[in-house]
């Protein structure tokens, strides 16, 4: 068909160019975008209001909060969850500053109030392994960076590794994120791979055959010396066996030791239990699914809530193993919050 033929078909019977109908999805997205911009403008206005405690400023602030709630409710009524998913895919493929700011405006600041200024993940996996943990963690990392605004450092244990090498990499991460005694930084040690038993704790293993292994104590000795809040996530078999070493050393730390303010653990299974090695049944896959669900619904994203939902998922699938949450050191007493960092600047 020639260009002239196409032009002729695009003209109506009245001789005027025919208007193309606007689809419902396009209309809904335009409406959602307008709501997001209104919400963003409202947030800017609200931040500029005086905080002198006067009745007038308090009334104006309450009015702004009520209006924000109405805008957020409109988003939910317009099937915003589907649109948020579309935007999430776009931001992963093109994580520009503007796209991040648009996505951040979608977060309800009243539902997601993160106590931290920084949340940093140290993802550990094997470079040479018979599992698919590396690609799984990398995909999860994109989502955490672009949709939660967390920082992610990935360390692939090489085939020619030495314990000292792993120690140095862990120490570099903790020097940057693990020495904040103000309680404004959460450092997360996240391991995905095989896990084996040993007399004094857990072994990180590259292959089911036990081709290469690393004692968890190499990492834990550094973790117990941090001053930031520390969350340990273990997606491996026999995850619960690590407490034989970590828990004992944490409890024995003297009052003068540089112990973390709070240390928690999320594990895929207990000691002498196996867990899924790959696919949608893995702990990492389900954790990502639960976090995404709560993030878009504006629900609580504390480790306690996440673990409860994970446990429910495992129970509904009638698994023979269960995830767990354990507090090694209570610190400030609040479960960690993995919500988006709403106030993070780009």
Protein backbone atom coordinates (compact mmCIF):
# COMPACT_ATOMS: atom_id res chain seq x y z
CA UNK A 1 0.00 0.00 0.00
CA UNK A 2 1.39 3.41 -0.99
CA UNK A 3 1.64 6.41 1.30
CA UNK A 4 -1.21 8.11 -0.61
CA UNK A 5 -3.46 5.06 -0.13
CA UNK A 6 -2.77 5.10 3.60
CA UNK A 7 -3.58 8.82 3.77
CA UNK A 8 -6.86 8.31 1.87
CA UNK A 9 -7.98 5.55 4.25
CA UNK A 10 -7.24 7.79 7.23
CA UNK A 11 -9.73 10.47 6.01
CA UNK A 12 -13.38 10.28 7.10
CA UNK A 13 -16.43 10.64 4.86
CA UNK A 14 -16.69 14.35 5.73
CA UNK A 15 -13.26 14.98 4.26
CA UNK A 16 -11.69 15.58 7.66
CA UNK A 17 -8.91 13.40 9.05
CA UNK A 18 -10.45 10.58 11.06
CA UNK A 19 -9.79 10.68 14.78
CA UNK A 20 -8.27 7.58 16.22
CA UNK A 21 -10.10 6.32 19.27
CA UNK A 22 -8.22 6.46 22.53
CA UNK A 23 -8.03 3.05 24.14
CA UNK A 24 -9.08 2.52 27.76
CA UNK A 25 -5.57 1.56 28.81
CA UNK A 26 -4.08 4.76 27.40
CA UNK A 27 -6.78 6.87 29.04
CA UNK A 28 -6.27 5.12 32.38
CA UNK A 29 -2.52 5.61 32.23
CA UNK A 30 -2.90 9.30 31.42
CA UNK A 31 -5.27 9.73 34.34
CA UNK A 32 -2.88 7.87 36.63
CA UNK A 33 0.04 10.02 35.50
CA UNK A 34 -1.96 13.17 36.33
CA UNK A 35 -2.78 11.80 39.79
CA UNK A 36 0.89 11.01 40.39
CA UNK A 37 1.92 14.51 39.38
CA UNK A 38 -0.75 15.97 41.68
CA UNK A 39 0.52 13.79 44.50
CA UNK A 40 4.10 14.86 43.86
CA UNK A 41 3.08 18.55 43.86
CA UNK A 42 1.18 17.99 47.09
CA UNK A 43 4.25 16.42 48.69
CA UNK A 44 6.40 19.41 47.70
CA UNK A 45 3.81 21.81 49.10
CA UNK A 46 3.49 19.80 52.30
CA UNK A 47 7.25 19.81 52.88
CA UNK A 48 7.24 23.62 52.58
CA UNK A 49 4.57 24.10 55.27
CA UNK A 50 5.84 25.64 58.51
CA UNK A 51 6.50 23.22 61.34
CA UNK A 52 5.91 25.70 64.16
CA UNK A 53 3.20 23.60 65.77
CA UNK A 54 0.56 26.31 65.35
CA UNK A 55 -3.07 25.33 64.89
CA UNK A 56 -3.15 26.78 61.37
CA UNK A 57 -0.08 24.84 60.15
CA UNK A 58 -1.35 21.66 61.83
CA UNK A 59 -4.74 22.02 60.14
CA UNK A 60 -3.15 22.63 56.74
CA UNK A 61 -0.87 19.63 57.19
CA UNK A 62 -3.80 17.37 58.14
CA UNK A 63 -5.70 18.61 55.09
CA UNK A 64 -2.71 17.83 52.86
CA UNK A 65 -2.44 14.34 54.33
CA UNK A 66 -6.15 13.71 53.76
CA UNK A 67 -5.83 14.87 50.16
CA UNK A 68 -2.84 12.57 49.68
CA UNK A 69 -4.91 9.64 50.94
CA UNK A 70 -7.65 10.49 48.43
CA UNK A 71 -5.15 10.62 45.57
CA UNK A 72 -3.65 7.29 46.56
CA UNK A 73 -7.13 5.76 46.80
CA UNK A 74 -7.88 7.00 43.29
CA UNK A 75 -4.76 5.25 42.09
CA UNK A 76 -5.92 1.99 43.60
CA UNK A 77 -9.40 2.43 42.17
CA UNK A 78 -7.94 2.91 38.69
CA UNK A 79 -6.27 -0.48 38.68
CA UNK A 80 -2.95 1.17 39.43
CA UNK A 81 -1.31 -2.09 40.39
CA UNK A 82 -1.24 -3.25 36.76
CA UNK A 83 0.10 0.11 35.65
CA UNK A 84 2.73 -0.03 38.38
CA UNK A 85 3.84 -3.41 37.05
CA UNK A 86 4.14 -1.97 33.53
CA UNK A 87 6.15 0.93 34.89
CA UNK A 88 8.36 -1.45 36.84
CA UNK A 89 9.28 -3.28 33.62
CA UNK A 90 10.03 0.04 31.95
CA UNK A 91 12.25 1.26 34.77
CA UNK A 92 14.31 -1.93 34.79
CA UNK A 93 15.01 -1.56 31.06
CA UNK A 94 15.60 2.21 31.29
CA UNK A 95 16.42 3.26 34.89
CA UNK A 96 16.76 6.98 34.15
CA UNK A 97 16.51 9.65 36.83
CA UNK A 98 13.11 10.86 35.62
CA UNK A 99 11.58 7.36 35.55
CA UNK A 100 12.82 6.73 39.08
CA UNK A 101 11.27 9.97 40.30
CA UNK A 102 7.93 9.12 38.66
CA UNK A 103 7.96 5.68 40.26
CA UNK A 104 8.95 7.14 43.62
CA UNK A 105 5.97 9.51 43.47
CA UNK A 106 3.77 6.42 43.26
CA UNK A 107 4.92 5.22 46.69
CA UNK A 108 2.55 6.18 49.48
CA UNK A 109 4.82 7.89 52.05
CA UNK A 110 2.23 7.34 54.76
CA UNK A 111 2.17 3.57 54.20
CA UNK A 112 5.90 3.11 53.55
CA UNK A 113 7.84 4.89 56.28
CA UNK A 114 11.36 3.48 56.32
CA UNK A 115 13.45 4.38 59.36
CA UNK A 116 16.67 3.99 57.36
CA UNK A 117 18.53 6.45 55.17
CA UNK A 118 20.42 3.61 53.47
CA UNK A 119 19.67 -0.06 52.88
CA UNK A 120 22.55 -1.98 51.28
CA UNK A 121 22.65 -5.63 50.20
CA UNK A 122 25.77 -7.79 49.92
CA UNK A 123 24.68 -10.62 47.60
CA UNK A 124 26.97 -13.64 47.78
CA UNK A 125 26.88 -16.54 45.31
CA UNK A 126 29.31 -18.90 43.58
CA UNK A 127 30.67 -18.02 40.14
CA UNK A 128 31.13 -21.74 39.38
CA UNK A 129 28.06 -23.61 40.64
CA UNK A 130 25.47 -26.19 39.57
CA UNK A 131 22.67 -23.83 40.65
CA UNK A 132 21.10 -20.80 38.96
CA UNK A 133 21.53 -18.53 41.98
CA UNK A 134 23.68 -15.94 40.20
CA UNK A 135 21.12 -15.00 37.53
CA UNK A 136 18.29 -15.17 40.08
CA UNK A 137 20.08 -12.75 42.42
CA UNK A 138 21.02 -10.39 39.59
CA UNK A 139 17.39 -10.17 38.42
CA UNK A 140 16.28 -9.57 42.01
CA UNK A 141 19.02 -6.92 42.35
CA UNK A 142 17.59 -4.87 39.46
CA UNK A 143 14.22 -4.74 41.17
CA UNK A 144 15.68 -3.80 44.57
CA UNK A 145 17.79 -1.01 43.09
CA UNK A 146 15.16 0.47 40.78
CA UNK A 147 11.94 -0.11 42.73
CA UNK A 148 13.06 0.01 46.37
CA UNK A 149 16.04 2.34 45.84
CA UNK A 150 18.29 0.04 47.86
CA UNK A 151 21.98 -0.40 47.08
CA UNK A 152 23.20 -3.83 45.96
CA UNK A 153 26.76 -5.17 45.84
CA UNK A 154 27.15 -8.62 44.25
CA UNK A 155 30.14 -10.83 45.11
CA UNK A 156 30.62 -14.00 43.07
CA UNK A 157 32.97 -16.34 44.90
CA UNK A 158 35.53 -17.33 42.23
CA UNK A 159 36.71 -20.87 41.55
CA UNK A 160 40.23 -20.06 42.77
CA UNK A 161 39.05 -18.31 45.93
CA UNK A 162 40.75 -18.27 49.31
CA UNK A 163 39.01 -17.58 52.64
CA UNK A 164 41.10 -14.42 52.91
CA UNK A 165 39.71 -13.19 49.59
CA UNK A 166 36.13 -13.61 50.81
CA UNK A 167 37.05 -11.93 54.07
CA UNK A 168 38.48 -8.89 52.27
CA UNK A 169 35.39 -8.49 50.04
CA UNK A 170 33.07 -8.74 53.05
CA UNK A 171 35.19 -6.30 55.01
CA UNK A 172 35.08 -3.76 52.17
CA UNK A 173 31.29 -3.90 52.17
CA UNK A 174 31.01 -3.60 55.95
CA UNK A 175 33.48 -0.72 56.09
CA UNK A 176 31.16 1.23 53.80
CA UNK A 177 27.80 0.18 55.22
CA UNK A 178 28.41 -1.62 58.50
CA UNK A 179 29.90 1.07 60.74
CA UNK A 180 26.93 3.40 61.20
CA UNK A 181 26.21 3.56 64.93
CA UNK A 182 23.35 6.05 64.44
CA UNK A 183 20.93 3.30 63.40
CA UNK A 184 20.21 4.92 60.02
CA UNK A 185 21.84 2.20 57.89
CA UNK A 186 20.75 -1.40 57.35
CA UNK A 187 23.40 -3.76 55.96
CA UNK A 188 22.13 -7.06 54.54
CA UNK A 189 24.29 -10.15 53.97
CA UNK A 190 22.39 -12.28 51.43
CA UNK A 191 23.68 -15.73 50.42
CA UNK A 192 22.22 -17.97 47.73
CA UNK A 193 23.64 -21.43 47.02
CA UNK A 194 24.24 -24.83 48.59
CA UNK A 195 24.58 -25.15 52.35
CA UNK A 196 26.31 -27.94 54.24
CA UNK A 197 26.70 -29.08 57.84
CA UNK A 198 29.84 -28.82 59.90
CA UNK A 199 30.51 -29.35 63.60
CA UNK A 200 30.63 -25.66 64.49
CA UNK A 201 28.06 -24.22 62.09
CA UNK A 202 27.31 -23.81 58.40
CA UNK A 203 29.34 -24.39 55.25
CA UNK A 204 28.71 -22.52 51.99
CA UNK A 205 29.10 -25.05 49.17
CA UNK A 206 29.46 -24.50 45.41
CA UNK A 207 28.15 -27.87 44.18
CA UNK A 208 25.95 -30.61 45.57
CA UNK A 209 29.00 -32.88 45.40
CA UNK A 210 30.84 -30.54 47.77
CA UNK A 211 33.38 -29.49 45.14
CA UNK A 212 34.25 -26.25 46.96
CA UNK A 213 33.23 -25.05 50.41
CA UNK A 214 33.68 -22.07 52.69
CA UNK A 215 33.08 -21.92 56.44
CA UNK A 216 30.40 -19.37 57.33
CA UNK A 217 32.63 -18.26 60.22
CA UNK A 218 34.82 -16.35 57.74
CA UNK A 219 31.90 -13.95 57.19
CA UNK A 220 30.25 -14.07 60.59
CA UNK A 221 33.34 -12.94 62.49
CA UNK A 222 33.18 -9.65 60.59
CA UNK A 223 29.41 -9.32 60.93
CA UNK A 224 29.52 -9.48 64.74
CA UNK A 225 31.93 -6.51 64.76
CA UNK A 226 29.67 -4.16 62.79
CA UNK A 227 27.80 -1.26 64.40
CA UNK A 228 25.03 -0.87 61.80
CA UNK A 229 21.88 -2.96 61.92
CA UNK A 230 22.60 -6.30 60.23
CA UNK A 231 20.18 -8.64 58.45
CA UNK A 232 21.44 -12.07 57.34
CA UNK A 233 19.49 -13.93 54.63
CA UNK A 234 20.38 -17.55 53.90
CA UNK A 235 18.78 -19.24 50.90
CA UNK A 236 20.41 -22.65 51.22
CA UNK A 237 19.92 -26.10 52.70
CA UNK A 238 20.72 -26.49 56.42
CA UNK A 239 20.42 -22.70 56.87
CA UNK A 240 19.44 -23.04 60.52
CA UNK A 241 22.71 -24.74 61.44
CA UNK A 242 24.58 -21.42 61.31
CA UNK A 243 23.33 -20.57 64.83
CA UNK A 244 25.80 -23.02 66.34
CA UNK A 245 28.51 -20.49 65.65
CA UNK A 246 26.97 -17.07 65.05
CA UNK A 247 24.48 -17.08 67.93
CA UNK A 248 27.08 -18.24 70.43
CA UNK A 249 29.60 -15.58 69.49
CA UNK A 250 26.98 -12.83 69.44
CA UNK A 251 25.83 -13.69 72.96
CA UNK A 252 29.38 -13.87 74.25
CA UNK A 253 30.30 -10.42 72.92
CA UNK A 254 31.41 -8.19 75.80
CA UNK A 255 29.81 -4.82 76.49
CA UNK A 256 32.86 -3.09 75.02
CA UNK A 257 32.70 -5.05 71.75
CA UNK A 258 31.53 -3.29 68.59
CA UNK A 259 28.34 -5.33 68.34
CA UNK A 260 25.67 -4.42 65.78
CA UNK A 261 22.66 -2.58 67.21
CA UNK A 262 20.36 -5.31 65.95
CA UNK A 263 21.03 -8.59 64.16
CA UNK A 264 18.29 -10.66 62.51
CA UNK A 265 18.32 -13.75 60.32
CA UNK A 266 15.90 -14.95 57.64
CA UNK A 267 16.54 -18.53 56.59
CA UNK A 268 15.09 -20.82 53.94
CA UNK A 269 14.95 -23.87 56.24
CA UNK A 270 16.15 -25.29 59.54
CA UNK A 271 19.22 -27.42 60.20
CA UNK A 272 19.21 -30.83 58.49
CA UNK A 273 16.51 -29.69 56.07
CA UNK A 274 16.75 -29.20 52.33
CA UNK A 275 15.11 -26.45 50.29
CA UNK A 276 14.35 -25.84 46.62
CA UNK A 277 17.47 -25.35 44.50
CA UNK A 278 15.84 -23.59 41.52
CA UNK A 279 12.55 -22.37 40.10
CA UNK A 280 9.57 -20.55 41.63
CA UNK A 281 9.82 -22.56 44.85
CA UNK A 282 13.15 -21.08 45.97
CA UNK A 283 13.32 -18.85 49.01
CA UNK A 284 14.75 -15.94 46.97
CA UNK A 285 12.00 -16.18 44.33
CA UNK A 286 9.25 -16.23 46.96
CA UNK A 287 10.85 -13.42 48.96
CA UNK A 288 10.94 -11.24 45.83
CA UNK A 289 7.30 -12.11 45.10
CA UNK A 290 6.15 -11.22 48.63
CA UNK A 291 8.17 -7.98 48.70
CA UNK A 292 6.71 -6.89 45.35
CA UNK A 293 3.19 -7.68 46.55
CA UNK A 294 3.55 -5.62 49.74
CA UNK A 295 5.39 -2.81 47.98
CA UNK A 296 2.57 -2.20 45.48
CA UNK A 297 -0.19 -2.69 48.04
CA UNK A 298 1.42 -0.18 50.41
CA UNK A 299 1.53 -2.75 53.21
CA UNK A 300 4.03 -3.27 56.01
CA UNK A 301 7.38 -4.58 54.76
CA UNK A 302 9.01 -5.49 58.07
CA UNK A 303 11.01 -8.71 58.27
CA UNK A 304 8.45 -10.06 60.72
CA UNK A 305 5.59 -9.51 58.25
CA UNK A 306 7.59 -10.84 55.30
CA UNK A 307 8.53 -14.00 57.20
CA UNK A 308 4.91 -14.56 58.25
CA UNK A 309 3.76 -14.31 54.62
CA UNK A 310 6.61 -16.57 53.47
CA UNK A 311 5.65 -19.15 56.08
CA UNK A 312 2.04 -18.99 54.89
CA UNK A 313 3.17 -19.59 51.29
CA UNK A 314 5.27 -22.59 52.26
CA UNK A 315 2.44 -24.01 54.37
CA UNK A 316 -0.11 -23.60 51.55
CA UNK A 317 2.21 -25.58 49.25
CA UNK A 318 2.51 -28.28 51.94
CA UNK A 319 6.31 -28.04 51.96
CA UNK A 320 8.24 -30.34 54.29
CA UNK A 321 10.51 -27.47 55.32
CA UNK A 322 9.76 -24.02 56.69
CA UNK A 323 11.50 -20.63 56.55
CA UNK A 324 12.39 -18.93 59.82
CA UNK A 325 13.16 -15.56 61.34
CA UNK A 326 15.52 -15.24 64.28
CA UNK A 327 16.69 -12.24 66.29
CA UNK A 328 20.29 -12.64 67.43
CA UNK A 329 20.52 -9.22 69.03
CA UNK A 330 17.48 -7.11 69.87
CA UNK A 331 19.07 -3.65 69.74
CA UNK A 332 16.36 -1.00 69.25
CA UNK A 333 13.65 -3.67 69.37
CA UNK A 334 11.98 -3.04 65.99
CA UNK A 335 11.93 -5.55 63.14
CA UNK A 336 13.84 -4.37 60.08
CA UNK A 337 11.90 -2.45 57.45
CA UNK A 338 12.66 -3.29 53.80
CA UNK A 339 10.27 -0.68 52.39
CA UNK A 340 11.31 1.69 49.57
CA UNK A 341 13.58 4.55 50.59
CA UNK A 342 11.11 7.29 49.81
CA UNK A 343 13.45 10.17 50.77
CA UNK A 344 16.43 8.88 48.78
CA UNK A 345 17.80 11.46 46.33
CA UNK A 346 19.06 10.63 42.82
